[in-house]
Amino acid sequence: MSKQIPPQLQNQLIRLQEQQEQYKALLLRKQQFEMELKEVERALQECSNLPDNAIIYKSVGTLLFKTEKSKIVSELNEKKEELDLRIKTIEKQEQRLRQQLEELRKSIQASLSGTFTGSWENLDFSLEKVKEACEIGEQVARNYIYSRINPKFLRNLEISIIYEDLSFTVDIFIEVLPTININIEEIIEEATNKALLEIDKFIRGNHPCQT
């Protein structure tokens, strides 16, 4: 019978999910500001091609108001500075949250390893069984990654599982095409956890491949 996940580890997993949602929301806000910034920069570029005495019509809702080029340029520059500041602020928050996620991920992986290995001492750890456990874990991780990312969008996928002193360590590297916007860290975290859980089932004899 598989060992149940301790309450402390369950709380860590809940925190991880919450922080991942915060990270996604942060990236979405950053993307929105970046899109606005591109529009402002495009408008400034168009204004630079106009004569200084040009009359410009400014859209406000469903209405158009006549204004001067200098006023529009001033407003656009102010908007650009505001968006630059917002993006920089989000990038700082993004970096801080990414570090927190990485620390929490490492803590969870260590807890998972400790939870699973705590009662492994009397189980079979022959070279053949360890090798098979690593192969099962790698296949589970790979299948999960392929379920989240179409293989044709992958530039590189490396999965390695190392066994040492009654402990399995899963190391995953994913590189996708630049046009693909996806949370790689979340996928790696989930794939790692699924691999470790399946390895634990196999070691204890509960894996469907186990005879």
N, C-alpha and C. Protein backbone atom coordinates (compact mmCIF):
# COMPACT_ATOMS: atom_id res chain seq x y z
N MET A 1 0.85 -1.20 0.00
CA MET A 1 0.00 0.00 0.00
C MET A 1 0.88 1.24 0.00
N SER A 2 0.59 2.24 -0.82
CA SER A 2 1.40 3.43 -0.92
C SER A 2 1.27 4.28 0.33
N LYS A 3 2.37 4.90 0.69
CA LYS A 3 2.38 5.77 1.85
C LYS A 3 1.66 7.06 1.53
N GLN A 4 0.77 7.55 2.42
CA GLN A 4 0.01 8.76 2.18
C GLN A 4 0.91 9.99 2.29
N ILE A 5 0.55 11.02 1.55
CA ILE A 5 1.31 12.27 1.58
C ILE A 5 1.03 12.98 2.90
N PRO A 6 2.07 13.36 3.66
CA PRO A 6 1.89 14.03 4.94
C PRO A 6 1.20 15.38 4.77
N PRO A 7 0.49 15.87 5.82
CA PRO A 7 -0.21 17.16 5.74
C PRO A 7 0.72 18.32 5.37
N GLN A 8 1.94 18.31 5.90
CA GLN A 8 2.88 19.38 5.60
C GLN A 8 3.20 19.43 4.11
N LEU A 9 3.39 18.26 3.51
CA LEU A 9 3.67 18.19 2.09
C LEU A 9 2.44 18.59 1.27
N GLN A 10 1.26 18.21 1.73
CA GLN A 10 0.03 18.62 1.06
C GLN A 10 -0.10 20.14 1.04
N ASN A 11 0.24 20.78 2.18
CA ASN A 11 0.19 22.24 2.25
C ASN A 11 1.20 22.87 1.29
N GLN A 12 2.37 22.25 1.17
CA GLN A 12 3.37 22.76 0.24
C GLN A 12 2.87 22.67 -1.20
N LEU A 13 2.21 21.58 -1.53
CA LEU A 13 1.68 21.40 -2.88
C LEU A 13 0.58 22.42 -3.18
N ILE A 14 -0.24 22.72 -2.17
CA ILE A 14 -1.29 23.73 -2.33
C ILE A 14 -0.66 25.10 -2.54
N ARG A 15 0.37 25.41 -1.74
CA ARG A 15 1.08 26.68 -1.89
C ARG A 15 1.71 26.79 -3.28
N LEU A 16 2.26 25.67 -3.75
CA LEU A 16 2.88 25.66 -5.08
C LEU A 16 1.84 25.99 -6.15
N GLN A 17 0.68 25.38 -6.06
CA GLN A 17 -0.37 25.63 -7.04
C GLN A 17 -0.82 27.09 -6.99
N GLU A 18 -0.94 27.64 -5.78
CA GLU A 18 -1.36 29.03 -5.63
C GLU A 18 -0.33 29.98 -6.23
N GLN A 19 0.95 29.71 -5.95
CA GLN A 19 2.01 30.56 -6.47
C GLN A 19 2.13 30.44 -7.98
N GLN A 20 1.88 29.26 -8.51
CA GLN A 20 1.89 29.09 -9.97
C GLN A 20 0.78 29.91 -10.62
N GLU A 21 -0.39 29.97 -9.96
CA GLU A 21 -1.49 30.77 -10.48
C GLU A 21 -1.14 32.26 -10.43
N GLN A 22 -0.48 32.67 -9.35
CA GLN A 22 -0.04 34.06 -9.24
C GLN A 22 0.97 34.40 -10.33
N TYR A 23 1.86 33.45 -10.59
CA TYR A 23 2.89 33.65 -11.60
C TYR A 23 2.25 33.79 -12.99
N LYS A 24 1.25 32.95 -13.28
CA LYS A 24 0.54 33.03 -14.55
C LYS A 24 -0.14 34.39 -14.70
N ALA A 25 -0.81 34.84 -13.64
CA ALA A 25 -1.51 36.13 -13.68
C ALA A 25 -0.52 37.28 -13.91
N LEU A 26 0.64 37.15 -13.27
CA LEU A 26 1.67 38.18 -13.41
C LEU A 26 2.18 38.24 -14.85
N LEU A 27 2.42 37.09 -15.44
CA LEU A 27 2.88 37.04 -16.83
C LEU A 27 1.83 37.60 -17.78
N LEU A 28 0.56 37.34 -17.48
CA LEU A 28 -0.51 37.85 -18.33
C LEU A 28 -0.58 39.37 -18.27
N ARG A 29 -0.45 39.93 -17.06
CA ARG A 29 -0.45 41.39 -16.91
C ARG A 29 0.74 42.00 -17.65
N LYS A 30 1.89 41.37 -17.52
CA LYS A 30 3.09 41.87 -18.21
C LYS A 30 2.88 41.85 -19.72
N GLN A 31 2.30 40.78 -20.23
CA GLN A 31 2.04 40.67 -21.66
C GLN A 31 1.09 41.76 -22.14
N GLN A 32 0.07 42.07 -21.34
CA GLN A 32 -0.88 43.12 -21.70
C GLN A 32 -0.20 44.49 -21.76
N PHE A 33 0.65 44.78 -20.76
CA PHE A 33 1.37 46.05 -20.75
C PHE A 33 2.35 46.14 -21.91
N GLU A 34 2.99 45.03 -22.24
CA GLU A 34 3.92 45.02 -23.37
C GLU A 34 3.20 45.29 -24.69
N MET A 35 1.99 44.77 -24.82
CA MET A 35 1.21 45.02 -26.03
C MET A 35 0.82 46.49 -26.12
N GLU A 36 0.42 47.06 -24.97
CA GLU A 36 0.08 48.49 -24.94
C GLU A 36 1.30 49.33 -25.29
N LEU A 37 2.46 48.95 -24.76
CA LEU A 37 3.69 49.69 -25.04
C LEU A 37 4.02 49.68 -26.52
N LYS A 38 3.84 48.55 -27.16
CA LYS A 38 4.10 48.46 -28.60
C LYS A 38 3.20 49.40 -29.38
N GLU A 39 1.93 49.49 -28.96
CA GLU A 39 0.98 50.39 -29.62
C GLU A 39 1.41 51.84 -29.45
N VAL A 40 1.85 52.20 -28.24
CA VAL A 40 2.31 53.57 -27.98
C VAL A 40 3.54 53.88 -28.81
N GLU A 41 4.49 52.96 -28.85
CA GLU A 41 5.71 53.17 -29.63
C GLU A 41 5.40 53.29 -31.12
N ARG A 42 4.43 52.53 -31.59
CA ARG A 42 4.03 52.61 -32.99
C ARG A 42 3.40 53.98 -33.29
N ALA A 43 2.59 54.46 -32.34
CA ALA A 43 1.96 55.77 -32.52
C ALA A 43 3.01 56.88 -32.51
N LEU A 44 4.01 56.77 -31.64
CA LEU A 44 5.08 57.76 -31.60
C LEU A 44 5.87 57.76 -32.90
N GLN A 45 6.09 56.57 -33.44
CA GLN A 45 6.82 56.47 -34.70
C GLN A 45 6.03 57.14 -35.83
N GLU A 46 4.73 56.95 -35.83
CA GLU A 46 3.89 57.57 -36.86
C GLU A 46 3.88 59.09 -36.70
N CYS A 47 3.86 59.56 -35.45
CA CYS A 47 3.87 61.01 -35.20
C CYS A 47 5.18 61.64 -35.67
N SER A 48 6.27 60.91 -35.52
CA SER A 48 7.57 61.45 -35.93
C SER A 48 7.65 61.71 -37.43
N ASN A 49 6.79 61.05 -38.18
CA ASN A 49 6.79 61.23 -39.64
C ASN A 49 5.88 62.37 -40.09
N LEU A 50 5.18 62.99 -39.12
CA LEU A 50 4.26 64.08 -39.45
C LEU A 50 4.94 65.43 -39.23
N PRO A 51 4.52 66.46 -39.97
CA PRO A 51 5.06 67.80 -39.73
C PRO A 51 4.61 68.34 -38.37
N ASP A 52 5.38 69.29 -37.82
CA ASP A 52 5.07 69.80 -36.48
C ASP A 52 3.72 70.49 -36.41
N ASN A 53 3.25 71.05 -37.49
CA ASN A 53 1.97 71.76 -37.48
C ASN A 53 0.80 70.86 -37.88
N ALA A 54 1.04 69.57 -37.91
CA ALA A 54 -0.01 68.63 -38.32
C ALA A 54 -1.15 68.62 -37.32
N ILE A 55 -2.37 68.50 -37.82
CA ILE A 55 -3.56 68.37 -36.98
C ILE A 55 -3.89 66.88 -36.86
N ILE A 56 -4.05 66.44 -35.63
CA ILE A 56 -4.31 65.02 -35.37
C ILE A 56 -5.66 64.88 -34.69
N TYR A 57 -6.38 63.86 -35.05
CA TYR A 57 -7.66 63.57 -34.41
C TYR A 57 -7.47 62.42 -33.41
N LYS A 58 -7.80 62.73 -32.18
CA LYS A 58 -7.63 61.78 -31.08
C LYS A 58 -8.95 61.09 -30.78
N SER A 59 -8.89 59.77 -30.69
CA SER A 59 -10.09 58.99 -30.41
C SER A 59 -10.31 58.83 -28.91
N VAL A 60 -11.49 59.22 -28.46
CA VAL A 60 -11.89 59.03 -27.06
C VAL A 60 -13.23 58.33 -27.06
N GLY A 61 -13.22 57.04 -26.82
CA GLY A 61 -14.44 56.26 -26.90
C GLY A 61 -14.93 56.22 -28.33
N THR A 62 -16.16 56.71 -28.55
CA THR A 62 -16.72 56.73 -29.91
C THR A 62 -16.58 58.10 -30.57
N LEU A 63 -15.89 59.03 -29.89
CA LEU A 63 -15.75 60.39 -30.40
C LEU A 63 -14.34 60.67 -30.88
N LEU A 64 -14.20 61.65 -31.78
CA LEU A 64 -12.92 62.11 -32.29
C LEU A 64 -12.74 63.58 -31.94
N PHE A 65 -11.56 63.92 -31.37
CA PHE A 65 -11.27 65.30 -31.00
C PHE A 65 -10.02 65.77 -31.74
N LYS A 66 -10.09 66.98 -32.27
CA LYS A 66 -8.94 67.55 -32.97
C LYS A 66 -7.93 68.07 -31.95
N THR A 67 -6.66 67.74 -32.15
CA THR A 67 -5.61 68.18 -31.23
C THR A 67 -4.32 68.41 -32.01
N GLU A 68 -3.30 68.90 -31.31
CA GLU A 68 -2.02 69.21 -31.95
C GLU A 68 -1.04 68.05 -31.77
N LYS A 69 -0.08 68.00 -32.67
CA LYS A 69 0.92 66.93 -32.62
C LYS A 69 1.70 66.95 -31.31
N SER A 70 2.10 68.17 -30.87
CA SER A 70 2.92 68.28 -29.66
C SER A 70 2.20 67.72 -28.43
N LYS A 71 0.88 67.96 -28.35
CA LYS A 71 0.11 67.45 -27.21
C LYS A 71 0.02 65.92 -27.25
N ILE A 72 -0.21 65.39 -28.43
CA ILE A 72 -0.30 63.93 -28.57
C ILE A 72 1.03 63.28 -28.22
N VAL A 73 2.13 63.85 -28.73
CA VAL A 73 3.47 63.30 -28.46
C VAL A 73 3.76 63.32 -26.97
N SER A 74 3.38 64.43 -26.31
CA SER A 74 3.60 64.53 -24.86
C SER A 74 2.80 63.47 -24.11
N GLU A 75 1.54 63.29 -24.49
CA GLU A 75 0.70 62.28 -23.84
C GLU A 75 1.25 60.87 -24.07
N LEU A 76 1.69 60.63 -25.30
CA LEU A 76 2.23 59.30 -25.63
C LEU A 76 3.51 59.02 -24.86
N ASN A 77 4.37 60.02 -24.72
CA ASN A 77 5.62 59.84 -23.97
C ASN A 77 5.34 59.57 -22.49
N GLU A 78 4.34 60.26 -21.94
CA GLU A 78 3.95 60.01 -20.55
C GLU A 78 3.43 58.59 -20.38
N LYS A 79 2.60 58.17 -21.35
CA LYS A 79 2.06 56.81 -21.31
C LYS A 79 3.18 55.78 -21.43
N LYS A 80 4.14 56.07 -22.28
CA LYS A 80 5.28 55.16 -22.48
C LYS A 80 6.08 55.02 -21.18
N GLU A 81 6.35 56.13 -20.50
CA GLU A 81 7.09 56.09 -19.24
C GLU A 81 6.32 55.29 -18.18
N GLU A 82 5.01 55.50 -18.15
CA GLU A 82 4.17 54.77 -17.19
C GLU A 82 4.21 53.27 -17.45
N LEU A 83 4.09 52.88 -18.72
CA LEU A 83 4.12 51.46 -19.06
C LEU A 83 5.49 50.84 -18.82
N ASP A 84 6.55 51.59 -19.13
CA ASP A 84 7.91 51.10 -18.84
C ASP A 84 8.08 50.81 -17.36
N LEU A 85 7.58 51.72 -16.53
CA LEU A 85 7.69 51.56 -15.07
C LEU A 85 6.89 50.34 -14.60
N ARG A 86 5.70 50.18 -15.13
CA ARG A 86 4.85 49.04 -14.73
C ARG A 86 5.51 47.71 -15.12
N ILE A 87 6.06 47.68 -16.32
CA ILE A 87 6.71 46.44 -16.78
C ILE A 87 7.92 46.11 -15.92
N LYS A 88 8.73 47.12 -15.58
CA LYS A 88 9.90 46.90 -14.73
C LYS A 88 9.48 46.41 -13.34
N THR A 89 8.39 46.98 -12.82
CA THR A 89 7.89 46.54 -11.51
C THR A 89 7.45 45.09 -11.56
N ILE A 90 6.72 44.72 -12.61
CA ILE A 90 6.27 43.34 -12.76
C ILE A 90 7.45 42.39 -12.92
N GLU A 91 8.48 42.82 -13.66
CA GLU A 91 9.65 41.96 -13.85
C GLU A 91 10.35 41.67 -12.53
N LYS A 92 10.38 42.67 -11.64
CA LYS A 92 10.96 42.44 -10.30
C LYS A 92 10.11 41.45 -9.52
N GLN A 93 8.78 41.63 -9.59
CA GLN A 93 7.87 40.70 -8.91
C GLN A 93 8.00 39.30 -9.51
N GLU A 94 8.13 39.25 -10.83
CA GLU A 94 8.27 37.97 -11.53
C GLU A 94 9.53 37.23 -11.08
N GLN A 95 10.64 37.97 -10.98
CA GLN A 95 11.89 37.35 -10.56
C GLN A 95 11.80 36.83 -9.13
N ARG A 96 11.19 37.64 -8.26
CA ARG A 96 11.06 37.23 -6.86
C ARG A 96 10.16 36.00 -6.73
N LEU A 97 9.05 36.00 -7.45
CA LEU A 97 8.12 34.87 -7.38
C LEU A 97 8.73 33.62 -8.01
N ARG A 98 9.51 33.79 -9.07
CA ARG A 98 10.18 32.66 -9.71
C ARG A 98 11.17 32.01 -8.74
N GLN A 99 11.88 32.82 -7.97
CA GLN A 99 12.81 32.29 -6.97
C GLN A 99 12.06 31.53 -5.88
N GLN A 100 10.92 32.09 -5.46
CA GLN A 100 10.11 31.42 -4.44
C GLN A 100 9.60 30.08 -4.94
N LEU A 101 9.18 30.06 -6.20
CA LEU A 101 8.70 28.81 -6.81
C LEU A 101 9.81 27.77 -6.87
N GLU A 102 11.00 28.20 -7.24
CA GLU A 102 12.12 27.27 -7.34
C GLU A 102 12.48 26.71 -5.97
N GLU A 103 12.50 27.57 -4.94
CA GLU A 103 12.79 27.10 -3.58
C GLU A 103 11.72 26.13 -3.09
N LEU A 104 10.46 26.46 -3.38
CA LEU A 104 9.36 25.58 -2.96
C LEU A 104 9.41 24.27 -3.72
N ARG A 105 9.74 24.33 -5.00
CA ARG A 105 9.86 23.11 -5.81
C ARG A 105 10.93 22.19 -5.26
N LYS A 106 12.08 22.75 -4.90
CA LYS A 106 13.17 21.96 -4.33
C LYS A 106 12.76 21.36 -2.99
N SER A 107 12.05 22.16 -2.20
CA SER A 107 11.59 21.67 -0.89
C SER A 107 10.60 20.52 -1.06
N ILE A 108 9.70 20.64 -2.03
CA ILE A 108 8.72 19.58 -2.28
C ILE A 108 9.40 18.32 -2.78
N GLN A 109 10.36 18.50 -3.69
CA GLN A 109 11.06 17.33 -4.21
C GLN A 109 11.82 16.61 -3.11
N ALA A 110 12.44 17.39 -2.20
CA ALA A 110 13.15 16.78 -1.08
C ALA A 110 12.17 16.06 -0.15
N SER A 111 11.00 16.68 0.06
CA SER A 111 9.98 16.06 0.92
C SER A 111 9.44 14.78 0.28
N LEU A 112 9.22 14.84 -1.04
CA LEU A 112 8.76 13.64 -1.73
C LEU A 112 9.76 12.52 -1.62
N SER A 113 11.02 12.87 -1.81
CA SER A 113 12.07 11.85 -1.72
C SER A 113 12.12 11.26 -0.33
N GLY A 114 12.02 12.13 0.70
CA GLY A 114 12.05 11.65 2.09
C GLY A 114 10.84 10.81 2.43
N THR A 115 9.66 11.23 1.89
CA THR A 115 8.43 10.50 2.16
C THR A 115 8.48 9.09 1.57
N PHE A 116 8.98 9.02 0.35
CA PHE A 116 9.00 7.73 -0.33
C PHE A 116 10.09 6.81 0.18
N THR A 117 11.27 7.38 0.48
CA THR A 117 12.40 6.52 0.84
C THR A 117 12.38 6.09 2.30
N GLY A 118 11.48 6.69 3.10
CA GLY A 118 11.49 6.40 4.52
C GLY A 118 11.28 4.93 4.84
N SER A 119 10.52 4.21 4.03
CA SER A 119 10.27 2.79 4.31
C SER A 119 10.73 1.91 3.16
N TRP A 120 11.81 2.31 2.52
CA TRP A 120 12.35 1.56 1.39
C TRP A 120 13.49 0.63 1.80
N GLU A 121 13.95 0.76 3.03
CA GLU A 121 15.18 0.07 3.42
C GLU A 121 15.14 -1.44 3.18
N ASN A 122 13.98 -2.05 3.37
CA ASN A 122 13.88 -3.51 3.27
C ASN A 122 13.35 -3.98 1.92
N LEU A 123 13.28 -3.06 0.95
CA LEU A 123 12.77 -3.43 -0.37
C LEU A 123 13.91 -3.78 -1.31
N ASP A 124 13.53 -4.38 -2.43
CA ASP A 124 14.51 -4.83 -3.41
C ASP A 124 15.09 -3.64 -4.18
N PHE A 125 16.42 -3.46 -4.08
CA PHE A 125 17.09 -2.40 -4.82
C PHE A 125 18.23 -2.98 -5.64
N SER A 126 17.93 -4.05 -6.33
CA SER A 126 18.91 -4.63 -7.24
C SER A 126 19.14 -3.66 -8.40
N LEU A 127 20.27 -3.82 -9.06
CA LEU A 127 20.61 -2.94 -10.18
C LEU A 127 19.53 -3.00 -11.25
N GLU A 128 19.01 -4.20 -11.49
CA GLU A 128 17.97 -4.36 -12.51
C GLU A 128 16.71 -3.60 -12.15
N LYS A 129 16.33 -3.67 -10.86
CA LYS A 129 15.10 -3.01 -10.44
C LYS A 129 15.26 -1.49 -10.46
N VAL A 130 16.42 -1.01 -10.03
CA VAL A 130 16.67 0.43 -10.06
C VAL A 130 16.62 0.95 -11.49
N LYS A 131 17.23 0.20 -12.40
CA LYS A 131 17.24 0.59 -13.81
C LYS A 131 15.82 0.65 -14.36
N GLU A 132 15.01 -0.36 -14.03
CA GLU A 132 13.63 -0.39 -14.51
C GLU A 132 12.81 0.75 -13.91
N ALA A 133 13.07 1.05 -12.62
CA ALA A 133 12.36 2.15 -11.96
C ALA A 133 12.67 3.47 -12.64
N CYS A 134 13.94 3.67 -13.00
CA CYS A 134 14.35 4.90 -13.69
C CYS A 134 13.68 5.00 -15.06
N GLU A 135 13.61 3.88 -15.76
CA GLU A 135 12.98 3.86 -17.09
C GLU A 135 11.48 4.18 -16.98
N ILE A 136 10.83 3.62 -15.97
CA ILE A 136 9.40 3.89 -15.77
C ILE A 136 9.18 5.35 -15.45
N GLY A 137 9.99 5.90 -14.54
CA GLY A 137 9.86 7.31 -14.17
C GLY A 137 10.08 8.23 -15.35
N GLU A 138 11.08 7.90 -16.17
CA GLU A 138 11.37 8.73 -17.34
C GLU A 138 10.21 8.69 -18.34
N GLN A 139 9.63 7.51 -18.55
CA GLN A 139 8.53 7.38 -19.50
C GLN A 139 7.30 8.13 -19.02
N VAL A 140 7.03 8.06 -17.72
CA VAL A 140 5.88 8.78 -17.15
C VAL A 140 6.06 10.28 -17.33
N ALA A 141 7.27 10.77 -17.03
CA ALA A 141 7.56 12.20 -17.18
C ALA A 141 7.42 12.62 -18.64
N ARG A 142 7.96 11.80 -19.54
CA ARG A 142 7.92 12.13 -20.97
C ARG A 142 6.46 12.15 -21.49
N ASN A 143 5.67 11.16 -21.08
CA ASN A 143 4.28 11.12 -21.52
C ASN A 143 3.50 12.34 -21.03
N TYR A 144 3.78 12.74 -19.79
CA TYR A 144 3.07 13.91 -19.26
C TYR A 144 3.46 15.16 -20.02
N ILE A 145 4.75 15.32 -20.30
CA ILE A 145 5.22 16.50 -21.04
C ILE A 145 4.60 16.54 -22.43
N TYR A 146 4.53 15.38 -23.09
CA TYR A 146 3.93 15.31 -24.43
C TYR A 146 2.43 15.61 -24.38
N SER A 147 1.80 15.34 -23.23
CA SER A 147 0.37 15.65 -23.10
C SER A 147 0.13 17.14 -22.93
N ARG A 148 1.18 17.86 -22.52
CA ARG A 148 1.07 19.31 -22.32
C ARG A 148 1.66 20.12 -23.47
N ILE A 149 2.66 19.54 -24.15
CA ILE A 149 3.34 20.25 -25.24
C ILE A 149 3.40 19.35 -26.46
N ASN A 150 2.91 19.83 -27.57
CA ASN A 150 3.02 19.07 -28.81
C ASN A 150 4.50 18.86 -29.14
N PRO A 151 4.94 17.62 -29.35
CA PRO A 151 6.36 17.34 -29.62
C PRO A 151 6.96 18.18 -30.74
N LYS A 152 6.15 18.60 -31.71
CA LYS A 152 6.69 19.39 -32.82
C LYS A 152 7.09 20.79 -32.39
N PHE A 153 6.63 21.21 -31.18
CA PHE A 153 7.00 22.52 -30.67
C PHE A 153 8.22 22.45 -29.75
N LEU A 154 8.75 21.24 -29.54
CA LEU A 154 9.90 21.07 -28.66
C LEU A 154 11.20 21.20 -29.45
N ARG A 155 12.10 22.02 -28.96
CA ARG A 155 13.43 22.08 -29.53
C ARG A 155 14.34 21.05 -28.88
N ASN A 156 14.15 20.88 -27.58
CA ASN A 156 15.00 19.94 -26.85
C ASN A 156 14.26 19.44 -25.61
N LEU A 157 14.39 18.16 -25.33
CA LEU A 157 13.81 17.57 -24.13
C LEU A 157 14.80 16.55 -23.57
N GLU A 158 15.26 16.81 -22.36
CA GLU A 158 16.20 15.90 -21.71
C GLU A 158 15.65 15.51 -20.34
N ILE A 159 15.58 14.22 -20.09
CA ILE A 159 15.10 13.70 -18.81
C ILE A 159 16.12 12.72 -18.27
N SER A 160 16.59 12.97 -17.08
CA SER A 160 17.54 12.04 -16.45
C SER A 160 17.08 11.75 -15.03
N ILE A 161 17.18 10.50 -14.64
CA ILE A 161 16.80 10.08 -13.28
C ILE A 161 18.00 9.37 -12.67
N ILE A 162 18.42 9.87 -11.53
CA ILE A 162 19.61 9.36 -10.85
C ILE A 162 19.21 8.73 -9.52
N TYR A 163 19.77 7.57 -9.25
CA TYR A 163 19.52 6.88 -7.98
C TYR A 163 20.79 6.87 -7.15
N GLU A 164 20.65 7.26 -5.88
CA GLU A 164 21.81 7.25 -4.98
C GLU A 164 21.32 7.23 -3.54
N ASP A 165 21.83 6.29 -2.76
CA ASP A 165 21.52 6.19 -1.33
C ASP A 165 20.02 6.21 -1.05
N LEU A 166 19.30 5.28 -1.64
CA LEU A 166 17.85 5.13 -1.46
C LEU A 166 17.10 6.40 -1.85
N SER A 167 17.58 7.12 -2.83
CA SER A 167 16.93 8.36 -3.25
C SER A 167 17.00 8.50 -4.77
N PHE A 168 15.86 8.87 -5.37
CA PHE A 168 15.80 9.12 -6.81
C PHE A 168 15.70 10.63 -7.03
N THR A 169 16.48 11.13 -7.98
CA THR A 169 16.44 12.54 -8.35
C THR A 169 16.07 12.65 -9.82
N VAL A 170 15.06 13.46 -10.11
CA VAL A 170 14.61 13.66 -11.48
C VAL A 170 15.07 15.03 -11.97
N ASP A 171 15.75 15.03 -13.10
CA ASP A 171 16.24 16.29 -13.69
C ASP A 171 15.67 16.41 -15.10
N ILE A 172 14.95 17.50 -15.36
CA ILE A 172 14.28 17.68 -16.66
C ILE A 172 14.66 19.03 -17.25
N PHE A 173 15.00 19.01 -18.53
CA PHE A 173 15.27 20.25 -19.26
C PHE A 173 14.36 20.29 -20.48
N ILE A 174 13.63 21.42 -20.63
CA ILE A 174 12.72 21.58 -21.76
C ILE A 174 13.04 22.89 -22.48
N GLU A 175 13.14 22.82 -23.79
CA GLU A 175 13.29 24.02 -24.62
C GLU A 175 12.26 23.96 -25.73
N VAL A 176 11.45 25.01 -25.83
CA VAL A 176 10.40 25.06 -26.85
C VAL A 176 10.71 26.15 -27.87
N LEU A 177 9.96 26.16 -28.95
CA LEU A 177 10.12 27.19 -29.97
C LEU A 177 9.80 28.56 -29.37
N PRO A 178 10.47 29.62 -29.83
CA PRO A 178 10.27 30.96 -29.26
C PRO A 178 8.83 31.45 -29.35
N THR A 179 8.08 30.97 -30.32
CA THR A 179 6.70 31.42 -30.51
C THR A 179 5.71 30.78 -29.53
N ILE A 180 6.18 29.78 -28.77
CA ILE A 180 5.29 29.07 -27.85
C ILE A 180 5.32 29.73 -26.48
N ASN A 181 4.16 30.14 -25.99
CA ASN A 181 4.04 30.76 -24.67
C ASN A 181 3.42 29.76 -23.71
N ILE A 182 4.26 29.17 -22.86
CA ILE A 182 3.80 28.13 -21.94
C ILE A 182 4.65 28.16 -20.68
N ASN A 183 4.06 27.77 -19.56
CA ASN A 183 4.76 27.77 -18.28
C ASN A 183 5.61 26.50 -18.16
N ILE A 184 6.87 26.60 -18.55
CA ILE A 184 7.77 25.45 -18.55
C ILE A 184 8.01 24.94 -17.13
N GLU A 185 8.20 25.86 -16.18
CA GLU A 185 8.50 25.46 -14.80
C GLU A 185 7.39 24.62 -14.20
N GLU A 186 6.14 25.00 -14.49
CA GLU A 186 5.01 24.24 -13.97
C GLU A 186 4.99 22.83 -14.55
N ILE A 187 5.24 22.72 -15.84
CA ILE A 187 5.24 21.40 -16.49
C ILE A 187 6.35 20.53 -15.94
N ILE A 188 7.54 21.11 -15.75
CA ILE A 188 8.66 20.35 -15.18
C ILE A 188 8.32 19.87 -13.78
N GLU A 189 7.71 20.75 -12.99
CA GLU A 189 7.34 20.38 -11.61
C GLU A 189 6.36 19.21 -11.59
N GLU A 190 5.32 19.30 -12.42
CA GLU A 190 4.32 18.25 -12.46
C GLU A 190 4.92 16.94 -12.98
N ALA A 191 5.73 17.03 -14.02
CA ALA A 191 6.35 15.83 -14.58
C ALA A 191 7.26 15.16 -13.56
N THR A 192 8.00 15.97 -12.81
CA THR A 192 8.90 15.44 -11.78
C THR A 192 8.11 14.71 -10.69
N ASN A 193 7.05 15.34 -10.21
CA ASN A 193 6.24 14.72 -9.16
C ASN A 193 5.59 13.42 -9.63
N LYS A 194 5.09 13.42 -10.85
CA LYS A 194 4.45 12.20 -11.38
C LYS A 194 5.48 11.08 -11.54
N ALA A 195 6.69 11.43 -11.97
CA ALA A 195 7.74 10.42 -12.12
C ALA A 195 8.10 9.81 -10.77
N LEU A 196 8.28 10.66 -9.74
CA LEU A 196 8.63 10.17 -8.41
C LEU A 196 7.52 9.30 -7.82
N LEU A 197 6.27 9.72 -8.02
CA LEU A 197 5.15 8.93 -7.50
C LEU A 197 5.09 7.55 -8.16
N GLU A 198 5.34 7.50 -9.47
CA GLU A 198 5.28 6.22 -10.18
C GLU A 198 6.46 5.32 -9.80
N ILE A 199 7.62 5.94 -9.57
CA ILE A 199 8.78 5.16 -9.11
C ILE A 199 8.49 4.54 -7.76
N ASP A 200 7.88 5.32 -6.87
CA ASP A 200 7.53 4.81 -5.54
C ASP A 200 6.58 3.62 -5.65
N LYS A 201 5.57 3.72 -6.53
CA LYS A 201 4.62 2.62 -6.72
C LYS A 201 5.35 1.37 -7.21
N PHE A 202 6.27 1.56 -8.13
CA PHE A 202 7.00 0.42 -8.68
C PHE A 202 7.87 -0.25 -7.62
N ILE A 203 8.59 0.57 -6.85
CA ILE A 203 9.48 0.03 -5.82
C ILE A 203 8.69 -0.78 -4.79
N ARG A 204 7.49 -0.30 -4.49
CA ARG A 204 6.68 -0.99 -3.48
C ARG A 204 5.88 -2.16 -4.07
N GLY A 205 5.96 -2.32 -5.40
CA GLY A 205 5.26 -3.43 -6.01
C GLY A 205 3.85 -3.12 -6.42
N ASN A 206 3.47 -1.82 -6.43
CA ASN A 206 2.10 -1.46 -6.79
C ASN A 206 1.97 -0.96 -8.21
N HIS A 207 3.07 -0.94 -8.95
CA HIS A 207 3.03 -0.46 -10.34
C HIS A 207 2.43 -1.55 -11.23
N PRO A 208 1.58 -1.17 -12.21
CA PRO A 208 0.94 -2.19 -13.07
C PRO A 208 1.93 -3.04 -13.84
N CYS A 209 3.18 -2.53 -14.05
CA CYS A 209 4.16 -3.32 -14.78
C CYS A 209 4.83 -4.36 -13.89
N GLN A 210 4.61 -4.21 -12.58
CA GLN A 210 5.27 -5.09 -11.62
C GLN A 210 4.59 -6.44 -11.59
N THR A 211 5.37 -7.51 -11.64
CA THR A 211 4.78 -8.86 -11.57
C THR A 211 4.95 -9.43 -10.18
